[in-house]
Amino acid sequence: MNTADMMIYVHPELDADNRRVLERQLMGRIGVDCAEFEHHPHPHSLMVKYDPETIKGKDILQMVRSLDPAASMVGM
């Protein structure tokens, strides 16, 4: 399995409940190995580790945008 990492910034005011919902939704997708916010230093930064042969980064971003339309992917 190949892995890729992506960081997605969400609006800083997205509440903790919605951040937890995002983590659970993404972790439930086939091809996503890990999805978690950096809770203390940057609570608006979502790090996702995934298999690019199974799921596309743009599809992950669209899932996040369902809760935060302004979410954006950050180059790494």
PDB file of N, CA and C in Angstrom:
ATOM      1  N   MET A   1       0.839  -1.177   0.000  1.00  0.00           N
ATOM      2  CA  MET A   1       0.000   0.000   0.000  1.00  0.00           C
ATOM      3  C   MET A   1       0.883   1.239   0.000  1.00  0.00           C
ATOM      4  N   ASN A   2       0.627   2.130  -0.920  1.00  0.00           N
ATOM      5  CA  ASN A   2       1.293   3.422  -0.929  1.00  0.00           C
ATOM      6  C   ASN A   2       0.577   4.343   0.036  1.00  0.00           C
ATOM      7  N   THR A   3       1.301   5.276   0.612  1.00  0.00           N
ATOM      8  CA  THR A   3       0.645   6.251   1.472  1.00  0.00           C
ATOM      9  C   THR A   3       1.059   7.650   1.060  1.00  0.00           C
ATOM     10  N   ALA A   4       0.136   8.551   1.260  1.00  0.00           N
ATOM     11  CA  ALA A   4       0.385   9.964   1.018  1.00  0.00           C
ATOM     12  C   ALA A   4      -0.186  10.727   2.201  1.00  0.00           C
ATOM     13  N   ASP A   5       0.358  11.886   2.449  1.00  0.00           N
ATOM     14  CA  ASP A   5      -0.128  12.741   3.520  1.00  0.00           C
ATOM     15  C   ASP A   5      -0.663  14.024   2.902  1.00  0.00           C
ATOM     16  N   MET A   6      -1.703  14.541   3.504  1.00  0.00           N
ATOM     17  CA  MET A   6      -2.181  15.858   3.105  1.00  0.00           C
ATOM     18  C   MET A   6      -2.641  16.594   4.344  1.00  0.00           C
ATOM     19  N   MET A   7      -2.480  17.898   4.304  1.00  0.00           N
ATOM     20  CA  MET A   7      -2.963  18.729   5.393  1.00  0.00           C
ATOM     21  C   MET A   7      -4.059  19.614   4.837  1.00  0.00           C
ATOM     22  N   ILE A   8      -5.141  19.684   5.599  1.00  0.00           N
ATOM     23  CA  ILE A   8      -6.276  20.505   5.215  1.00  0.00           C
ATOM     24  C   ILE A   8      -6.518  21.504   6.330  1.00  0.00           C
ATOM     25  N   TYR A   9      -6.607  22.764   5.957  1.00  0.00           N
ATOM     26  CA  TYR A   9      -6.952  23.812   6.921  1.00  0.00           C
ATOM     27  C   TYR A   9      -8.451  24.043   6.875  1.00  0.00           C
ATOM     28  N   VAL A  10      -9.065  24.058   8.046  1.00  0.00           N
ATOM     29  CA  VAL A  10     -10.476  24.404   8.169  1.00  0.00           C
ATOM     30  C   VAL A  10     -10.567  25.742   8.881  1.00  0.00           C
ATOM     31  N   HIS A  11     -11.737  26.329   8.849  1.00  0.00           N
ATOM     32  CA  HIS A  11     -11.930  27.617   9.507  1.00  0.00           C
ATOM     33  C   HIS A  11     -11.624  27.455  10.994  1.00  0.00           C
ATOM     34  N   PRO A  12     -10.838  28.354  11.583  1.00  0.00           N
ATOM     35  CA  PRO A  12     -10.473  28.234  12.998  1.00  0.00           C
ATOM     36  C   PRO A  12     -11.664  28.183  13.948  1.00  0.00           C
ATOM     37  N   GLU A  13     -12.813  28.678  13.517  1.00  0.00           N
ATOM     38  CA  GLU A  13     -13.972  28.669  14.397  1.00  0.00           C
ATOM     39  C   GLU A  13     -14.834  27.414  14.260  1.00  0.00           C
ATOM     40  N   LEU A  14     -14.417  26.454  13.419  1.00  0.00           N
ATOM     41  CA  LEU A  14     -15.140  25.186  13.334  1.00  0.00           C
ATOM     42  C   LEU A  14     -15.060  24.517  14.700  1.00  0.00           C
ATOM     43  N   ASP A  15     -16.210  24.227  15.280  1.00  0.00           N
ATOM     44  CA  ASP A  15     -16.215  23.757  16.667  1.00  0.00           C
ATOM     45  C   ASP A  15     -15.671  22.336  16.817  1.00  0.00           C
ATOM     46  N   ALA A  16     -15.354  21.992  18.059  1.00  0.00           N
ATOM     47  CA  ALA A  16     -14.731  20.703  18.370  1.00  0.00           C
ATOM     48  C   ALA A  16     -15.616  19.534  17.963  1.00  0.00           C
ATOM     49  N   ASP A  17     -16.922  19.661  18.133  1.00  0.00           N
ATOM     50  CA  ASP A  17     -17.820  18.572  17.737  1.00  0.00           C
ATOM     51  C   ASP A  17     -17.724  18.299  16.238  1.00  0.00           C
ATOM     52  N   ASN A  18     -17.723  19.328  15.428  1.00  0.00           N
ATOM     53  CA  ASN A  18     -17.611  19.138  13.981  1.00  0.00           C
ATOM     54  C   ASN A  18     -16.233  18.623  13.581  1.00  0.00           C
ATOM     55  N   ARG A  19     -15.205  19.007  14.308  1.00  0.00           N
ATOM     56  CA  ARG A  19     -13.870  18.454  14.020  1.00  0.00           C
ATOM     57  C   ARG A  19     -13.851  16.954  14.302  1.00  0.00           C
ATOM     58  N   ARG A  20     -14.485  16.532  15.388  1.00  0.00           N
ATOM     59  CA  ARG A  20     -14.559  15.095  15.698  1.00  0.00           C
ATOM     60  C   ARG A  20     -15.376  14.351  14.640  1.00  0.00           C
ATOM     61  N   VAL A  21     -16.460  14.965  14.181  1.00  0.00           N
ATOM     62  CA  VAL A  21     -17.273  14.359  13.120  1.00  0.00           C
ATOM     63  C   VAL A  21     -16.421  14.143  11.867  1.00  0.00           C
ATOM     64  N   LEU A  22     -15.643  15.136  11.493  1.00  0.00           N
ATOM     65  CA  LEU A  22     -14.775  15.007  10.321  1.00  0.00           C
ATOM     66  C   LEU A  22     -13.776  13.870  10.489  1.00  0.00           C
ATOM     67  N   GLU A  23     -13.140  13.802  11.635  1.00  0.00           N
ATOM     68  CA  GLU A  23     -12.181  12.727  11.869  1.00  0.00           C
ATOM     69  C   GLU A  23     -12.846  11.360  11.711  1.00  0.00           C
ATOM     70  N   ARG A  24     -14.017  11.190  12.311  1.00  0.00           N
ATOM     71  CA  ARG A  24     -14.720   9.897  12.231  1.00  0.00           C
ATOM     72  C   ARG A  24     -15.156   9.581  10.806  1.00  0.00           C
ATOM     73  N   GLN A  25     -15.689  10.571  10.108  1.00  0.00           N
ATOM     74  CA  GLN A  25     -16.135  10.343   8.730  1.00  0.00           C
ATOM     75  C   GLN A  25     -14.977   9.914   7.843  1.00  0.00           C
ATOM     76  N   LEU A  26     -13.869  10.602   7.969  1.00  0.00           N
ATOM     77  CA  LEU A  26     -12.723  10.267   7.125  1.00  0.00           C
ATOM     78  C   LEU A  26     -12.132   8.916   7.489  1.00  0.00           C
ATOM     79  N   MET A  27     -12.038   8.627   8.777  1.00  0.00           N
ATOM     80  CA  MET A  27     -11.478   7.340   9.201  1.00  0.00           C
ATOM     81  C   MET A  27     -12.355   6.170   8.754  1.00  0.00           C
ATOM     82  N   GLY A  28     -13.618   6.429   8.505  1.00  0.00           N
ATOM     83  CA  GLY A  28     -14.523   5.391   8.046  1.00  0.00           C
ATOM     84  C   GLY A  28     -14.436   5.103   6.560  1.00  0.00           C
ATOM     85  N   ARG A  29     -13.653   5.871   5.836  1.00  0.00           N
ATOM     86  CA  ARG A  29     -13.536   5.688   4.388  1.00  0.00           C
ATOM     87  C   ARG A  29     -12.430   4.693   4.056  1.00  0.00           C
ATOM     88  N   ILE A  30     -12.704   3.846   3.095  1.00  0.00           N
ATOM     89  CA  ILE A  30     -11.691   2.909   2.617  1.00  0.00           C
ATOM     90  C   ILE A  30     -10.561   3.717   1.987  1.00  0.00           C
ATOM     91  N   GLY A  31      -9.347   3.396   2.362  1.00  0.00           N
ATOM     92  CA  GLY A  31      -8.172   4.080   1.823  1.00  0.00           C
ATOM     93  C   GLY A  31      -7.613   5.145   2.750  1.00  0.00           C
ATOM     94  N   VAL A  32      -8.381   5.542   3.761  1.00  0.00           N
ATOM     95  CA  VAL A  32      -7.883   6.528   4.725  1.00  0.00           C
ATOM     96  C   VAL A  32      -7.325   5.776   5.921  1.00  0.00           C
ATOM     97  N   ASP A  33      -6.048   5.971   6.170  1.00  0.00           N
ATOM     98  CA  ASP A  33      -5.370   5.286   7.263  1.00  0.00           C
ATOM     99  C   ASP A  33      -5.499   6.058   8.569  1.00  0.00           C
ATOM    100  N   CYS A  34      -5.411   7.375   8.490  1.00  0.00           N
ATOM    101  CA  CYS A  34      -5.441   8.202   9.699  1.00  0.00           C
ATOM    102  C   CYS A  34      -5.933   9.600   9.330  1.00  0.00           C
ATOM    103  N   ALA A  35      -6.781  10.156  10.192  1.00  0.00           N
ATOM    104  CA  ALA A  35      -7.249  11.535  10.013  1.00  0.00           C
ATOM    105  C   ALA A  35      -7.393  12.143  11.394  1.00  0.00           C
ATOM    106  N   GLU A  36      -6.591  13.153  11.678  1.00  0.00           N
ATOM    107  CA  GLU A  36      -6.681  13.761  12.999  1.00  0.00           C
ATOM    108  C   GLU A  36      -6.251  15.217  12.965  1.00  0.00           C
ATOM    109  N   PHE A  37      -6.905  15.974  13.824  1.00  0.00           N
ATOM    110  CA  PHE A  37      -6.542  17.372  13.999  1.00  0.00           C
ATOM    111  C   PHE A  37      -5.387  17.471  14.977  1.00  0.00           C
ATOM    112  N   GLU A  38      -4.558  18.472  14.789  1.00  0.00           N
ATOM    113  CA  GLU A  38      -3.500  18.783  15.749  1.00  0.00           C
ATOM    114  C   GLU A  38      -4.167  19.653  16.807  1.00  0.00           C
ATOM    115  N   HIS A  39      -4.747  19.019  17.808  1.00  0.00           N
ATOM    116  CA  HIS A  39      -5.644  19.686  18.747  1.00  0.00           C
ATOM    117  C   HIS A  39      -5.028  20.862  19.504  1.00  0.00           C
ATOM    118  N   HIS A  40      -3.800  20.755  19.913  1.00  0.00           N
ATOM    119  CA  HIS A  40      -3.242  21.830  20.737  1.00  0.00           C
ATOM    120  C   HIS A  40      -2.562  22.938  19.940  1.00  0.00           C
ATOM    121  N   PRO A  41      -1.556  22.632  19.149  1.00  0.00           N
ATOM    122  CA  PRO A  41      -0.863  23.756  18.506  1.00  0.00           C
ATOM    123  C   PRO A  41      -1.678  24.420  17.396  1.00  0.00           C
ATOM    124  N   HIS A  42      -2.406  23.620  16.602  1.00  0.00           N
ATOM    125  CA  HIS A  42      -3.139  24.154  15.452  1.00  0.00           C
ATOM    126  C   HIS A  42      -4.472  23.416  15.305  1.00  0.00           C
ATOM    127  N   PRO A  43      -5.473  23.776  16.072  1.00  0.00           N
ATOM    128  CA  PRO A  43      -6.728  23.019  16.045  1.00  0.00           C
ATOM    129  C   PRO A  43      -7.470  23.080  14.711  1.00  0.00           C
ATOM    130  N   HIS A  44      -7.020  23.918  13.802  1.00  0.00           N
ATOM    131  CA  HIS A  44      -7.667  24.025  12.498  1.00  0.00           C
ATOM    132  C   HIS A  44      -6.919  23.255  11.409  1.00  0.00           C
ATOM    133  N   SER A  45      -5.887  22.498  11.780  1.00  0.00           N
ATOM    134  CA  SER A  45      -5.091  21.736  10.816  1.00  0.00           C
ATOM    135  C   SER A  45      -5.438  20.249  10.907  1.00  0.00           C
ATOM    136  N   LEU A  46      -5.970  19.716   9.837  1.00  0.00           N
ATOM    137  CA  LEU A  46      -6.346  18.305   9.767  1.00  0.00           C
ATOM    138  C   LEU A  46      -5.303  17.559   8.941  1.00  0.00           C
ATOM    139  N   MET A  47      -4.637  16.591   9.553  1.00  0.00           N
ATOM    140  CA  MET A  47      -3.650  15.782   8.852  1.00  0.00           C
ATOM    141  C   MET A  47      -4.309  14.463   8.461  1.00  0.00           C
ATOM    142  N   VAL A  48      -4.195  14.107   7.184  1.00  0.00           N
ATOM    143  CA  VAL A  48      -4.799  12.881   6.677  1.00  0.00           C
ATOM    144  C   VAL A  48      -3.722  12.045   6.002  1.00  0.00           C
ATOM    145  N   LYS A  49      -3.627  10.782   6.393  1.00  0.00           N
ATOM    146  CA  LYS A  49      -2.740   9.820   5.737  1.00  0.00           C
ATOM    147  C   LYS A  49      -3.660   8.861   4.984  1.00  0.00           C
ATOM    148  N   TYR A  50      -3.389   8.678   3.688  1.00  0.00           N
ATOM    149  CA  TYR A  50      -4.290   7.872   2.872  1.00  0.00           C
ATOM    150  C   TYR A  50      -3.537   7.137   1.768  1.00  0.00           C
ATOM    151  N   ASP A  51      -4.223   6.201   1.132  1.00  0.00           N
ATOM    152  CA  ASP A  51      -3.683   5.441   0.016  1.00  0.00           C
ATOM    153  C   ASP A  51      -4.186   6.081  -1.280  1.00  0.00           C
ATOM    154  N   PRO A  52      -3.318   6.765  -2.025  1.00  0.00           N
ATOM    155  CA  PRO A  52      -3.762   7.460  -3.241  1.00  0.00           C
ATOM    156  C   PRO A  52      -4.221   6.522  -4.360  1.00  0.00           C
ATOM    157  N   GLU A  53      -3.951   5.233  -4.223  1.00  0.00           N
ATOM    158  CA  GLU A  53      -4.440   4.280  -5.221  1.00  0.00           C
ATOM    159  C   GLU A  53      -5.890   3.893  -4.936  1.00  0.00           C
ATOM    160  N   THR A  54      -6.346   4.190  -3.727  1.00  0.00           N
ATOM    161  CA  THR A  54      -7.698   3.816  -3.314  1.00  0.00           C
ATOM    162  C   THR A  54      -8.636   5.012  -3.276  1.00  0.00           C
ATOM    163  N   ILE A  55      -8.142   6.156  -2.837  1.00  0.00           N
ATOM    164  CA  ILE A  55      -8.965   7.359  -2.712  1.00  0.00           C
ATOM    165  C   ILE A  55      -8.135   8.567  -3.135  1.00  0.00           C
ATOM    166  N   LYS A  56      -8.772   9.505  -3.784  1.00  0.00           N
ATOM    167  CA  LYS A  56      -8.067  10.697  -4.270  1.00  0.00           C
ATOM    168  C   LYS A  56      -8.098  11.807  -3.228  1.00  0.00           C
ATOM    169  N   GLY A  57      -7.037  12.580  -3.173  1.00  0.00           N
ATOM    170  CA  GLY A  57      -6.958  13.707  -2.253  1.00  0.00           C
ATOM    171  C   GLY A  57      -8.096  14.696  -2.455  1.00  0.00           C
ATOM    172  N   LYS A  58      -8.476  14.928  -3.701  1.00  0.00           N
ATOM    173  CA  LYS A  58      -9.561  15.879  -3.966  1.00  0.00           C
ATOM    174  C   LYS A  58     -10.888  15.366  -3.422  1.00  0.00           C
ATOM    175  N   ASP A  59     -11.068  14.044  -3.377  1.00  0.00           N
ATOM    176  CA  ASP A  59     -12.296  13.478  -2.800  1.00  0.00           C
ATOM    177  C   ASP A  59     -12.315  13.668  -1.285  1.00  0.00           C
ATOM    178  N   ILE A  60     -11.156  13.541  -0.659  1.00  0.00           N
ATOM    179  CA  ILE A  60     -11.065  13.785   0.781  1.00  0.00           C
ATOM    180  C   ILE A  60     -11.393  15.249   1.068  1.00  0.00           C
ATOM    181  N   LEU A  61     -10.822  16.144   0.274  1.00  0.00           N
ATOM    182  CA  LEU A  61     -11.095  17.565   0.468  1.00  0.00           C
ATOM    183  C   LEU A  61     -12.584  17.868   0.316  1.00  0.00           C
ATOM    184  N   GLN A  62     -13.243  17.248  -0.630  1.00  0.00           N
ATOM    185  CA  GLN A  62     -14.682  17.477  -0.811  1.00  0.00           C
ATOM    186  C   GLN A  62     -15.480  16.997   0.394  1.00  0.00           C
ATOM    187  N   MET A  63     -15.060  15.902   1.013  1.00  0.00           N
ATOM    188  CA  MET A  63     -15.741  15.427   2.222  1.00  0.00           C
ATOM    189  C   MET A  63     -15.619  16.470   3.336  1.00  0.00           C
ATOM    190  N   VAL A  64     -14.438  17.046   3.482  1.00  0.00           N
ATOM    191  CA  VAL A  64     -14.220  18.066   4.514  1.00  0.00           C
ATOM    192  C   VAL A  64     -15.061  19.298   4.195  1.00  0.00           C
ATOM    193  N   ARG A  65     -15.137  19.650   2.941  1.00  0.00           N
ATOM    194  CA  ARG A  65     -15.906  20.836   2.546  1.00  0.00           C
ATOM    195  C   ARG A  65     -17.406  20.676   2.779  1.00  0.00           C
ATOM    196  N   SER A  66     -17.866  19.456   3.022  1.00  0.00           N
ATOM    197  CA  SER A  66     -19.286  19.286   3.334  1.00  0.00           C
ATOM    198  C   SER A  66     -19.629  19.950   4.668  1.00  0.00           C
ATOM    199  N   LEU A  67     -18.637  20.062   5.566  1.00  0.00           N
ATOM    200  CA  LEU A  67     -18.843  20.743   6.847  1.00  0.00           C
ATOM    201  C   LEU A  67     -18.226  22.128   6.883  1.00  0.00           C
ATOM    202  N   ASP A  68     -17.230  22.354   6.054  1.00  0.00           N
ATOM    203  CA  ASP A  68     -16.576  23.663   6.009  1.00  0.00           C
ATOM    204  C   ASP A  68     -16.261  23.999   4.553  1.00  0.00           C
ATOM    205  N   PRO A  69     -17.167  24.715   3.874  1.00  0.00           N
ATOM    206  CA  PRO A  69     -16.969  25.024   2.460  1.00  0.00           C
ATOM    207  C   PRO A  69     -15.679  25.781   2.152  1.00  0.00           C
ATOM    208  N   ALA A  70     -15.098  26.434   3.146  1.00  0.00           N
ATOM    209  CA  ALA A  70     -13.876  27.212   2.931  1.00  0.00           C
ATOM    210  C   ALA A  70     -12.600  26.394   3.174  1.00  0.00           C
ATOM    211  N   ALA A  71     -12.728  25.118   3.487  1.00  0.00           N
ATOM    212  CA  ALA A  71     -11.544  24.280   3.756  1.00  0.00           C
ATOM    213  C   ALA A  71     -10.620  24.275   2.540  1.00  0.00           C
ATOM    214  N   SER A  72      -9.310  24.251   2.812  1.00  0.00           N
ATOM    215  CA  SER A  72      -8.351  24.254   1.716  1.00  0.00           C
ATOM    216  C   SER A  72      -7.207  23.299   2.004  1.00  0.00           C
ATOM    217  N   MET A  73      -6.697  22.699   0.934  1.00  0.00           N
ATOM    218  CA  MET A  73      -5.578  21.785   1.049  1.00  0.00           C
ATOM    219  C   MET A  73      -4.286  22.590   1.050  1.00  0.00           C
ATOM    220  N   VAL A  74      -3.348  22.163   1.878  1.00  0.00           N
ATOM    221  CA  VAL A  74      -2.063  22.839   1.984  1.00  0.00           C
ATOM    222  C   VAL A  74      -1.006  21.939   1.360  1.00  0.00           C
ATOM    223  N   GLY A  75      -0.151  22.498   0.527  1.00  0.00           N
ATOM    224  CA  GLY A  75       0.929  21.731  -0.077  1.00  0.00           C
ATOM    225  C   GLY A  75       1.938  21.307   0.963  1.00  0.00           C
ATOM    226  N   MET A  76       2.469  20.115   0.784  1.00  0.00           N
ATOM    227  CA  MET A  76       3.459  19.606   1.746  1.00  0.00           C
ATOM    228  C   MET A  76       4.728  19.242   1.001  1.00  0.00           C
TER     229      MET A  76
END
